[in-house]
Amino acid sequence: MVQEKVEKRQGGQVQDGKWLVLTESTGKEGKGYTHQCGAQIKGAQVAHSIHDGPFSLSGGGQVHYETVPFCPDCETEPNYYGFPIDHDPVERRELEILKRIGQGR
C-alpha cells in the first residue's frame, strides 16, 4: 500500500488584498470559516519585527503580531518569523485617524 504525497501550497497568501484561503471558504469572522475542502480554518501567529530606526535594519525591538489564517489540510502552516516591516501598522492607523479628526472629517 503506497500513500500519495500531497503537495500543500504555502499558507498565508494574499490575493487582491484578501487572505486567499478565506476567499475559498464559507463562514463569518468571529464564528469560524470552513475551507472548500471541508477543513476548519486555523490561525497561526506571525511576528514581524519593526525596523523603524535611523539605520538599515535598526529599530527599538518592537514586534507586530498578526494572526494568519490557513487550511491545515491544503496549506503549510505560515512561518512564525514574518517579514520585517518599517512601521507599526496599528500606530500608522492611529495617526491617520488623528489626522482626519484634525481636518474635521
PDB file of N, CA and C in Angstrom:
ATOM      1  N   MET A   1       0.837  -1.172   0.000  1.00  0.00           N
ATOM      2  CA  MET A   1       0.000   0.000   0.000  1.00  0.00           C
ATOM      3  C   MET A   1       0.891   1.248   0.000  1.00  0.00           C
ATOM      4  N   VAL A   2       0.760   2.055  -1.043  1.00  0.00           N
ATOM      5  CA  VAL A   2       1.587   3.244  -1.187  1.00  0.00           C
ATOM      6  C   VAL A   2       0.716   4.478  -0.972  1.00  0.00           C
ATOM      7  N   GLN A   3       1.168   5.342  -0.083  1.00  0.00           N
ATOM      8  CA  GLN A   3       0.432   6.583   0.150  1.00  0.00           C
ATOM      9  C   GLN A   3       0.956   7.661  -0.784  1.00  0.00           C
ATOM     10  N   GLU A   4       0.015   8.420  -1.343  1.00  0.00           N
ATOM     11  CA  GLU A   4       0.411   9.535  -2.205  1.00  0.00           C
ATOM     12  C   GLU A   4       0.786  10.725  -1.341  1.00  0.00           C
ATOM     13  N   LYS A   5       1.873  11.364  -1.718  1.00  0.00           N
ATOM     14  CA  LYS A   5       2.292  12.575  -1.015  1.00  0.00           C
ATOM     15  C   LYS A   5       1.610  13.757  -1.685  1.00  0.00           C
ATOM     16  N   VAL A   6       0.782  14.452  -0.924  1.00  0.00           N
ATOM     17  CA  VAL A   6       0.045  15.593  -1.456  1.00  0.00           C
ATOM     18  C   VAL A   6       0.834  16.868  -1.181  1.00  0.00           C
ATOM     19  N   GLU A   7       1.109  17.630  -2.234  1.00  0.00           N
ATOM     20  CA  GLU A   7       1.810  18.901  -2.090  1.00  0.00           C
ATOM     21  C   GLU A   7       0.854  19.949  -1.530  1.00  0.00           C
ATOM     22  N   LYS A   8       1.278  20.606  -0.489  1.00  0.00           N
ATOM     23  CA  LYS A   8       0.480  21.686   0.096  1.00  0.00           C
ATOM     24  C   LYS A   8       1.039  23.012  -0.397  1.00  0.00           C
ATOM     25  N   ARG A   9       0.149  23.954  -0.659  1.00  0.00           N
ATOM     26  CA  ARG A   9       0.637  25.280  -1.036  1.00  0.00           C
ATOM     27  C   ARG A   9       1.047  26.025   0.235  1.00  0.00           C
ATOM     28  N   GLN A  10       1.790  27.080   0.048  1.00  0.00           N
ATOM     29  CA  GLN A  10       2.267  27.892   1.166  1.00  0.00           C
ATOM     30  C   GLN A  10       1.089  28.618   1.803  1.00  0.00           C
ATOM     31  N   GLY A  11       0.979  28.547   3.105  1.00  0.00           N
ATOM     32  CA  GLY A  11      -0.085  29.238   3.838  1.00  0.00           C
ATOM     33  C   GLY A  11       0.194  30.720   3.964  1.00  0.00           C
ATOM     34  N   GLY A  12      -0.855  31.498   4.185  1.00  0.00           N
ATOM     35  CA  GLY A  12      -0.703  32.933   4.405  1.00  0.00           C
ATOM     36  C   GLY A  12      -0.629  33.768   3.150  1.00  0.00           C
ATOM     37  N   GLN A  13      -1.121  33.251   2.036  1.00  0.00           N
ATOM     38  CA  GLN A  13      -1.063  34.013   0.789  1.00  0.00           C
ATOM     39  C   GLN A  13      -2.184  35.044   0.727  1.00  0.00           C
ATOM     40  N   VAL A  14      -1.869  36.187   0.112  1.00  0.00           N
ATOM     41  CA  VAL A  14      -2.824  37.277  -0.058  1.00  0.00           C
ATOM     42  C   VAL A  14      -3.054  37.484  -1.540  1.00  0.00           C
ATOM     43  N   GLN A  15      -4.334  37.669  -1.905  1.00  0.00           N
ATOM     44  CA  GLN A  15      -4.689  37.940  -3.298  1.00  0.00           C
ATOM     45  C   GLN A  15      -5.690  39.095  -3.301  1.00  0.00           C
ATOM     46  N   ASP A  16      -5.381  40.147  -4.045  1.00  0.00           N
ATOM     47  CA  ASP A  16      -6.235  41.336  -4.118  1.00  0.00           C
ATOM     48  C   ASP A  16      -6.542  41.904  -2.733  1.00  0.00           C
ATOM     49  N   GLY A  17      -5.551  41.874  -1.843  1.00  0.00           N
ATOM     50  CA  GLY A  17      -5.702  42.451  -0.513  1.00  0.00           C
ATOM     51  C   GLY A  17      -6.491  41.600   0.463  1.00  0.00           C
ATOM     52  N   LYS A  18      -6.821  40.354   0.097  1.00  0.00           N
ATOM     53  CA  LYS A  18      -7.589  39.462   0.977  1.00  0.00           C
ATOM     54  C   LYS A  18      -6.833  38.148   1.149  1.00  0.00           C
ATOM     55  N   TRP A  19      -7.039  37.520   2.302  1.00  0.00           N
ATOM     56  CA  TRP A  19      -6.426  36.220   2.529  1.00  0.00           C
ATOM     57  C   TRP A  19      -7.013  35.238   1.523  1.00  0.00           C
ATOM     58  N   LEU A  20      -6.155  34.593   0.726  1.00  0.00           N
ATOM     59  CA  LEU A  20      -6.599  33.675  -0.316  1.00  0.00           C
ATOM     60  C   LEU A  20      -7.458  32.557   0.251  1.00  0.00           C
ATOM     61  N   VAL A  21      -7.050  31.962   1.356  1.00  0.00           N
ATOM     62  CA  VAL A  21      -7.786  30.837   1.928  1.00  0.00           C
ATOM     63  C   VAL A  21      -9.199  31.252   2.359  1.00  0.00           C
ATOM     64  N   LEU A  22      -9.380  32.502   2.777  1.00  0.00           N
ATOM     65  CA  LEU A  22     -10.721  32.949   3.190  1.00  0.00           C
ATOM     66  C   LEU A  22     -11.615  33.212   1.986  1.00  0.00           C
ATOM     67  N   THR A  23     -11.019  33.577   0.846  1.00  0.00           N
ATOM     68  CA  THR A  23     -11.834  33.770  -0.360  1.00  0.00           C
ATOM     69  C   THR A  23     -12.342  32.429  -0.889  1.00  0.00           C
ATOM     70  N   GLU A  24     -11.703  31.342  -0.479  1.00  0.00           N
ATOM     71  CA  GLU A  24     -12.108  29.998  -0.892  1.00  0.00           C
ATOM     72  C   GLU A  24     -12.944  29.299   0.178  1.00  0.00           C
ATOM     73  N   SER A  25     -13.371  30.033   1.192  1.00  0.00           N
ATOM     74  CA  SER A  25     -14.052  29.447   2.344  1.00  0.00           C
ATOM     75  C   SER A  25     -15.423  30.073   2.560  1.00  0.00           C
ATOM     76  N   THR A  26     -16.222  29.393   3.373  1.00  0.00           N
ATOM     77  CA  THR A  26     -17.511  29.936   3.794  1.00  0.00           C
ATOM     78  C   THR A  26     -17.459  30.138   5.299  1.00  0.00           C
ATOM     79  N   GLY A  27     -18.216  31.084   5.797  1.00  0.00           N
ATOM     80  CA  GLY A  27     -18.256  31.356   7.229  1.00  0.00           C
ATOM     81  C   GLY A  27     -18.243  32.841   7.493  1.00  0.00           C
ATOM     82  N   LYS A  28     -18.094  33.184   8.767  1.00  0.00           N
ATOM     83  CA  LYS A  28     -18.100  34.583   9.174  1.00  0.00           C
ATOM     84  C   LYS A  28     -17.003  34.830  10.189  1.00  0.00           C
ATOM     85  N   GLU A  29     -16.484  36.066  10.168  1.00  0.00           N
ATOM     86  CA  GLU A  29     -15.481  36.461  11.141  1.00  0.00           C
ATOM     87  C   GLU A  29     -16.097  36.374  12.532  1.00  0.00           C
ATOM     88  N   GLY A  30     -15.373  35.812  13.461  1.00  0.00           N
ATOM     89  CA  GLY A  30     -15.864  35.652  14.821  1.00  0.00           C
ATOM     90  C   GLY A  30     -16.614  34.343  15.026  1.00  0.00           C
ATOM     91  N   LYS A  31     -17.063  33.709  13.955  1.00  0.00           N
ATOM     92  CA  LYS A  31     -17.794  32.441  14.042  1.00  0.00           C
ATOM     93  C   LYS A  31     -16.949  31.273  13.554  1.00  0.00           C
ATOM     94  N   GLY A  32     -16.071  31.533  12.588  1.00  0.00           N
ATOM     95  CA  GLY A  32     -15.223  30.494  12.028  1.00  0.00           C
ATOM     96  C   GLY A  32     -15.473  30.303  10.546  1.00  0.00           C
ATOM     97  N   TYR A  33     -14.495  29.733   9.878  1.00  0.00           N
ATOM     98  CA  TYR A  33     -14.561  29.500   8.437  1.00  0.00           C
ATOM     99  C   TYR A  33     -14.310  28.024   8.146  1.00  0.00           C
ATOM    100  N   THR A  34     -14.951  27.535   7.089  1.00  0.00           N
ATOM    101  CA  THR A  34     -14.729  26.185   6.593  1.00  0.00           C
ATOM    102  C   THR A  34     -14.213  26.296   5.168  1.00  0.00           C
ATOM    103  N   HIS A  35     -13.055  25.693   4.908  1.00  0.00           N
ATOM    104  CA  HIS A  35     -12.458  25.749   3.580  1.00  0.00           C
ATOM    105  C   HIS A  35     -13.256  24.867   2.622  1.00  0.00           C
ATOM    106  N   GLN A  36     -13.075  25.095   1.330  1.00  0.00           N
ATOM    107  CA  GLN A  36     -13.801  24.332   0.313  1.00  0.00           C
ATOM    108  C   GLN A  36     -13.512  22.829   0.382  1.00  0.00           C
ATOM    109  N   CYS A  37     -12.403  22.441   1.015  1.00  0.00           N
ATOM    110  CA  CYS A  37     -12.085  21.015   1.169  1.00  0.00           C
ATOM    111  C   CYS A  37     -12.816  20.390   2.350  1.00  0.00           C
ATOM    112  N   GLY A  38     -13.451  21.224   3.196  1.00  0.00           N
ATOM    113  CA  GLY A  38     -14.191  20.729   4.354  1.00  0.00           C
ATOM    114  C   GLY A  38     -13.480  20.918   5.678  1.00  0.00           C
ATOM    115  N   ALA A  39     -12.228  21.343   5.658  1.00  0.00           N
ATOM    116  CA  ALA A  39     -11.455  21.529   6.898  1.00  0.00           C
ATOM    117  C   ALA A  39     -11.769  22.881   7.531  1.00  0.00           C
ATOM    118  N   GLN A  40     -11.705  22.921   8.856  1.00  0.00           N
ATOM    119  CA  GLN A  40     -11.875  24.177   9.584  1.00  0.00           C
ATOM    120  C   GLN A  40     -10.603  25.009   9.423  1.00  0.00           C
ATOM    121  N   ILE A  41     -10.751  26.284   9.148  1.00  0.00           N
ATOM    122  CA  ILE A  41      -9.609  27.187   9.006  1.00  0.00           C
ATOM    123  C   ILE A  41      -9.004  27.427  10.384  1.00  0.00           C
ATOM    124  N   LYS A  42      -7.688  27.372  10.442  1.00  0.00           N
ATOM    125  CA  LYS A  42      -6.961  27.646  11.684  1.00  0.00           C
ATOM    126  C   LYS A  42      -6.196  28.955  11.525  1.00  0.00           C
ATOM    127  N   GLY A  43      -5.686  29.473  12.622  1.00  0.00           N
ATOM    128  CA  GLY A  43      -4.890  30.695  12.599  1.00  0.00           C
ATOM    129  C   GLY A  43      -3.530  30.460  13.219  1.00  0.00           C
ATOM    130  N   ALA A  44      -2.507  31.007  12.592  1.00  0.00           N
ATOM    131  CA  ALA A  44      -1.143  30.904  13.118  1.00  0.00           C
ATOM    132  C   ALA A  44      -0.632  32.303  13.422  1.00  0.00           C
ATOM    133  N   GLN A  45       0.048  32.452  14.550  1.00  0.00           N
ATOM    134  CA  GLN A  45       0.605  33.754  14.894  1.00  0.00           C
ATOM    135  C   GLN A  45       1.908  33.967  14.131  1.00  0.00           C
ATOM    136  N   VAL A  46       2.026  35.154  13.532  1.00  0.00           N
ATOM    137  CA  VAL A  46       3.225  35.525  12.790  1.00  0.00           C
ATOM    138  C   VAL A  46       3.759  36.822  13.393  1.00  0.00           C
ATOM    139  N   ALA A  47       5.066  36.875  13.626  1.00  0.00           N
ATOM    140  CA  ALA A  47       5.712  38.038  14.226  1.00  0.00           C
ATOM    141  C   ALA A  47       6.510  38.797  13.165  1.00  0.00           C
ATOM    142  N   HIS A  48       6.272  40.097  13.071  1.00  0.00           N
ATOM    143  CA  HIS A  48       7.005  40.960  12.138  1.00  0.00           C
ATOM    144  C   HIS A  48       7.831  41.945  12.959  1.00  0.00           C
ATOM    145  N   SER A  49       9.151  41.861  12.876  1.00  0.00           N
ATOM    146  CA  SER A  49       9.981  42.832  13.597  1.00  0.00           C
ATOM    147  C   SER A  49       9.866  44.186  12.900  1.00  0.00           C
ATOM    148  N   ILE A  50       9.807  45.240  13.716  1.00  0.00           N
ATOM    149  CA  ILE A  50       9.628  46.597  13.194  1.00  0.00           C
ATOM    150  C   ILE A  50      10.988  47.276  13.123  1.00  0.00           C
ATOM    151  N   HIS A  51      11.416  47.571  11.913  1.00  0.00           N
ATOM    152  CA  HIS A  51      12.718  48.212  11.679  1.00  0.00           C
ATOM    153  C   HIS A  51      12.480  49.681  11.340  1.00  0.00           C
ATOM    154  N   ASP A  52      12.285  50.490  12.384  1.00  0.00           N
ATOM    155  CA  ASP A  52      11.962  51.901  12.184  1.00  0.00           C
ATOM    156  C   ASP A  52      13.066  52.837  12.678  1.00  0.00           C
ATOM    157  N   GLY A  53      14.263  52.312  12.816  1.00  0.00           N
ATOM    158  CA  GLY A  53      15.379  53.120  13.309  1.00  0.00           C
ATOM    159  C   GLY A  53      16.041  53.927  12.208  1.00  0.00           C
ATOM    160  N   PRO A  54      17.030  54.720  12.584  1.00  0.00           N
ATOM    161  CA  PRO A  54      17.705  55.597  11.615  1.00  0.00           C
ATOM    162  C   PRO A  54      18.644  54.868  10.660  1.00  0.00           C
ATOM    163  N   PHE A  55      18.998  53.624  10.985  1.00  0.00           N
ATOM    164  CA  PHE A  55      19.922  52.870  10.147  1.00  0.00           C
ATOM    165  C   PHE A  55      19.221  51.662   9.553  1.00  0.00           C
ATOM    166  N   SER A  56      19.760  51.145   8.481  1.00  0.00           N
ATOM    167  CA  SER A  56      19.196  49.965   7.839  1.00  0.00           C
ATOM    168  C   SER A  56      19.078  48.814   8.843  1.00  0.00           C
ATOM    169  N   LEU A  57      17.915  48.188   8.873  1.00  0.00           N
ATOM    170  CA  LEU A  57      17.614  47.052   9.756  1.00  0.00           C
ATOM    171  C   LEU A  57      17.736  47.385  11.239  1.00  0.00           C
ATOM    172  N   SER A  58      17.563  48.656  11.599  1.00  0.00           N
ATOM    173  CA  SER A  58      17.620  49.032  13.009  1.00  0.00           C
ATOM    174  C   SER A  58      16.227  49.388  13.505  1.00  0.00           C
ATOM    175  N   GLY A  59      16.066  49.326  14.805  1.00  0.00           N
ATOM    176  CA  GLY A  59      14.795  49.665  15.420  1.00  0.00           C
ATOM    177  C   GLY A  59      14.885  49.501  16.917  1.00  0.00           C
ATOM    178  N   GLY A  60      13.766  49.718  17.572  1.00  0.00           N
ATOM    179  CA  GLY A  60      13.734  49.666  19.029  1.00  0.00           C
ATOM    180  C   GLY A  60      13.394  48.307  19.604  1.00  0.00           C
ATOM    181  N   GLY A  61      13.289  47.282  18.757  1.00  0.00           N
ATOM    182  CA  GLY A  61      12.992  45.944  19.248  1.00  0.00           C
ATOM    183  C   GLY A  61      11.512  45.598  19.284  1.00  0.00           C
ATOM    184  N   GLN A  62      10.655  46.496  18.762  1.00  0.00           N
ATOM    185  CA  GLN A  62       9.228  46.219  18.765  1.00  0.00           C
ATOM    186  C   GLN A  62       8.891  45.146  17.725  1.00  0.00           C
ATOM    187  N   VAL A  63       7.786  44.465  17.981  1.00  0.00           N
ATOM    188  CA  VAL A  63       7.312  43.414  17.081  1.00  0.00           C
ATOM    189  C   VAL A  63       5.805  43.582  16.902  1.00  0.00           C
ATOM    190  N   HIS A  64       5.340  43.446  15.668  1.00  0.00           N
ATOM    191  CA  HIS A  64       3.903  43.462  15.370  1.00  0.00           C
ATOM    192  C   HIS A  64       3.473  42.017  15.130  1.00  0.00           C
ATOM    193  N   TYR A  65       2.458  41.568  15.870  1.00  0.00           N
ATOM    194  CA  TYR A  65       1.956  40.203  15.729  1.00  0.00           C
ATOM    195  C   TYR A  65       0.639  40.225  14.966  1.00  0.00           C
ATOM    196  N   GLU A  66       0.449  39.247  14.098  1.00  0.00           N
ATOM    197  CA  GLU A  66      -0.828  39.111  13.421  1.00  0.00           C
ATOM    198  C   GLU A  66      -1.195  37.636  13.342  1.00  0.00           C
ATOM    199  N   THR A  67      -2.494  37.365  13.289  1.00  0.00           N
ATOM    200  CA  THR A  67      -2.983  36.008  13.128  1.00  0.00           C
ATOM    201  C   THR A  67      -3.248  35.780  11.652  1.00  0.00           C
ATOM    202  N   VAL A  68      -2.621  34.766  11.098  1.00  0.00           N
ATOM    203  CA  VAL A  68      -2.724  34.469   9.672  1.00  0.00           C
ATOM    204  C   VAL A  68      -3.545  33.192   9.492  1.00  0.00           C
ATOM    205  N   PRO A  69      -4.657  33.267   8.734  1.00  0.00           N
ATOM    206  CA  PRO A  69      -5.479  32.068   8.530  1.00  0.00           C
ATOM    207  C   PRO A  69      -4.833  31.106   7.537  1.00  0.00           C
ATOM    208  N   PHE A  70      -5.056  29.796   7.769  1.00  0.00           N
ATOM    209  CA  PHE A  70      -4.573  28.788   6.829  1.00  0.00           C
ATOM    210  C   PHE A  70      -5.417  27.530   6.955  1.00  0.00           C
ATOM    211  N   CYS A  71      -5.469  26.735   5.882  1.00  0.00           N
ATOM    212  CA  CYS A  71      -6.171  25.455   5.881  1.00  0.00           C
ATOM    213  C   CYS A  71      -5.159  24.376   6.238  1.00  0.00           C
ATOM    214  N   PRO A  72      -5.350  23.657   7.351  1.00  0.00           N
ATOM    215  CA  PRO A  72      -4.371  22.647   7.756  1.00  0.00           C
ATOM    216  C   PRO A  72      -4.266  21.464   6.787  1.00  0.00           C
ATOM    217  N   ASP A  73      -5.285  21.259   5.964  1.00  0.00           N
ATOM    218  CA  ASP A  73      -5.254  20.141   5.016  1.00  0.00           C
ATOM    219  C   ASP A  73      -4.624  20.517   3.677  1.00  0.00           C
ATOM    220  N   CYS A  74      -4.754  21.779   3.271  1.00  0.00           N
ATOM    221  CA  CYS A  74      -4.313  22.195   1.930  1.00  0.00           C
ATOM    222  C   CYS A  74      -3.075  23.088   1.923  1.00  0.00           C
ATOM    223  N   GLU A  75      -2.739  23.679   3.072  1.00  0.00           N
ATOM    224  CA  GLU A  75      -1.647  24.650   3.121  1.00  0.00           C
ATOM    225  C   GLU A  75      -0.675  24.307   4.242  1.00  0.00           C
ATOM    226  N   THR A  76       0.569  24.754   4.074  1.00  0.00           N
ATOM    227  CA  THR A  76       1.541  24.628   5.152  1.00  0.00           C
ATOM    228  C   THR A  76       1.264  25.724   6.175  1.00  0.00           C
ATOM    229  N   GLU A  77       1.617  25.463   7.414  1.00  0.00           N
ATOM    230  CA  GLU A  77       1.427  26.489   8.445  1.00  0.00           C
ATOM    231  C   GLU A  77       2.382  27.643   8.177  1.00  0.00           C
ATOM    232  N   PRO A  78       1.888  28.893   8.233  1.00  0.00           N
ATOM    233  CA  PRO A  78       2.763  30.044   7.991  1.00  0.00           C
ATOM    234  C   PRO A  78       3.920  30.082   8.999  1.00  0.00           C
ATOM    235  N   ASN A  79       5.066  30.539   8.530  1.00  0.00           N
ATOM    236  CA  ASN A  79       6.254  30.655   9.362  1.00  0.00           C
ATOM    237  C   ASN A  79       6.032  31.715  10.442  1.00  0.00           C
ATOM    238  N   TYR A  80       6.392  31.390  11.671  1.00  0.00           N
ATOM    239  CA  TYR A  80       6.236  32.333  12.778  1.00  0.00           C
ATOM    240  C   TYR A  80       7.033  33.614  12.539  1.00  0.00           C
ATOM    241  N   TYR A  81       8.191  33.493  11.900  1.00  0.00           N
ATOM    242  CA  TYR A  81       9.053  34.647  11.670  1.00  0.00           C
ATOM    243  C   TYR A  81       8.660  35.315  10.354  1.00  0.00           C
ATOM    244  N   GLY A  82       7.794  36.320  10.441  1.00  0.00           N
ATOM    245  CA  GLY A  82       7.324  37.031   9.257  1.00  0.00           C
ATOM    246  C   GLY A  82       8.365  38.006   8.728  1.00  0.00           C
ATOM    247  N   PHE A  83       8.010  38.671   7.655  1.00  0.00           N
ATOM    248  CA  PHE A  83       8.904  39.648   7.046  1.00  0.00           C
ATOM    249  C   PHE A  83       9.043  40.874   7.938  1.00  0.00           C
ATOM    250  N   PRO A  84      10.228  41.470   7.997  1.00  0.00           N
ATOM    251  CA  PRO A  84      10.396  42.726   8.735  1.00  0.00           C
ATOM    252  C   PRO A  84       9.564  43.837   8.082  1.00  0.00           C
ATOM    253  N   ILE A  85       9.089  44.755   8.885  1.00  0.00           N
ATOM    254  CA  ILE A  85       8.326  45.895   8.370  1.00  0.00           C
ATOM    255  C   ILE A  85       8.964  47.184   8.874  1.00  0.00           C
ATOM    256  N   ASP A  86       8.661  48.307   8.206  1.00  0.00           N
ATOM    257  CA  ASP A  86       9.322  49.565   8.570  1.00  0.00           C
ATOM    258  C   ASP A  86       8.445  50.483   9.420  1.00  0.00           C
ATOM    259  N   HIS A  87       7.287  50.001   9.856  1.00  0.00           N
ATOM    260  CA  HIS A  87       6.397  50.805  10.696  1.00  0.00           C
ATOM    261  C   HIS A  87       5.468  49.880  11.467  1.00  0.00           C
ATOM    262  N   ASP A  88       4.870  50.398  12.502  1.00  0.00           N
ATOM    263  CA  ASP A  88       3.868  49.659  13.262  1.00  0.00           C
ATOM    264  C   ASP A  88       2.510  49.935  12.619  1.00  0.00           C
ATOM    265  N   PRO A  89       1.846  48.932  12.034  1.00  0.00           N
ATOM    266  CA  PRO A  89       0.562  49.160  11.354  1.00  0.00           C
ATOM    267  C   PRO A  89      -0.506  49.779  12.251  1.00  0.00           C
ATOM    268  N   VAL A  90      -0.525  49.395  13.519  1.00  0.00           N
ATOM    269  CA  VAL A  90      -1.522  49.951  14.440  1.00  0.00           C
ATOM    270  C   VAL A  90      -1.247  51.431  14.675  1.00  0.00           C
ATOM    271  N   GLU A  91       0.014  51.775  14.914  1.00  0.00           N
ATOM    272  CA  GLU A  91       0.383  53.167  15.148  1.00  0.00           C
ATOM    273  C   GLU A  91       0.081  54.025  13.916  1.00  0.00           C
ATOM    274  N   ARG A  92       0.353  53.515  12.726  1.00  0.00           N
ATOM    275  CA  ARG A  92       0.084  54.265  11.497  1.00  0.00           C
ATOM    276  C   ARG A  92      -1.410  54.527  11.327  1.00  0.00           C
ATOM    277  N   ARG A  93      -2.260  53.525  11.629  1.00  0.00           N
ATOM    278  CA  ARG A  93      -3.717  53.726  11.543  1.00  0.00           C
ATOM    279  C   ARG A  93      -4.178  54.784  12.528  1.00  0.00           C
ATOM    280  N   GLU A  94      -3.630  54.757  13.741  1.00  0.00           N
ATOM    281  CA  GLU A  94      -3.996  55.749  14.748  1.00  0.00           C
ATOM    282  C   GLU A  94      -3.616  57.154  14.287  1.00  0.00           C
ATOM    283  N   LEU A  95      -2.434  57.298  13.686  1.00  0.00           N
ATOM    284  CA  LEU A  95      -2.008  58.605  13.189  1.00  0.00           C
ATOM    285  C   LEU A  95      -2.921  59.095  12.061  1.00  0.00           C
ATOM    286  N   GLU A  96      -3.353  58.193  11.184  1.00  0.00           N
ATOM    287  CA  GLU A  96      -4.269  58.566  10.105  1.00  0.00           C
ATOM    288  C   GLU A  96      -5.619  59.038  10.657  1.00  0.00           C
ATOM    289  N   ILE A  97      -6.111  58.360  11.687  1.00  0.00           N
ATOM    290  CA  ILE A  97      -7.381  58.755  12.311  1.00  0.00           C
ATOM    291  C   ILE A  97      -7.253  60.129  12.949  1.00  0.00           C
ATOM    292  N   LEU A  98      -6.163  60.355  13.676  1.00  0.00           N
ATOM    293  CA  LEU A  98      -5.954  61.661  14.312  1.00  0.00           C
ATOM    294  C   LEU A  98      -5.822  62.765  13.268  1.00  0.00           C
ATOM    295  N   LYS A  99      -5.183  62.460  12.159  1.00  0.00           N
ATOM    296  CA  LYS A  99      -5.035  63.436  11.081  1.00  0.00           C
ATOM    297  C   LYS A  99      -6.403  63.804  10.505  1.00  0.00           C
ATOM    298  N   ARG A 100      -7.262  62.808  10.293  1.00  0.00           N
ATOM    299  CA  ARG A 100      -8.614  63.073   9.783  1.00  0.00           C
ATOM    300  C   ARG A 100      -9.440  63.896  10.766  1.00  0.00           C
ATOM    301  N   ILE A 101      -9.295  63.605  12.039  1.00  0.00           N
ATOM    302  CA  ILE A 101     -10.019  64.364  13.067  1.00  0.00           C
ATOM    303  C   ILE A 101      -9.574  65.817  13.037  1.00  0.00           C
ATOM    304  N   GLY A 102      -8.272  66.036  12.880  1.00  0.00           N
ATOM    305  CA  GLY A 102      -7.730  67.379  12.813  1.00  0.00           C
ATOM    306  C   GLY A 102      -8.201  68.149  11.581  1.00  0.00           C
ATOM    307  N   GLN A 103      -8.531  67.425  10.513  1.00  0.00           N
ATOM    308  CA  GLN A 103      -9.027  68.053   9.287  1.00  0.00           C
ATOM    309  C   GLN A 103     -10.537  68.240   9.320  1.00  0.00           C
ATOM    310  N   GLY A 104     -11.189  67.773  10.384  1.00  0.00           N
ATOM    311  CA  GLY A 104     -12.635  67.951  10.511  1.00  0.00           C
ATOM    312  C   GLY A 104     -13.446  66.953   9.710  1.00  0.00           C
ATOM    313  N   ARG A 105     -12.900  65.792   9.423  1.00  0.00           N
ATOM    314  CA  ARG A 105     -13.639  64.756   8.670  1.00  0.00           C
ATOM    315  C   ARG A 105     -14.429  63.874   9.574  1.00  0.00           C
TER     316      ARG A 105
END
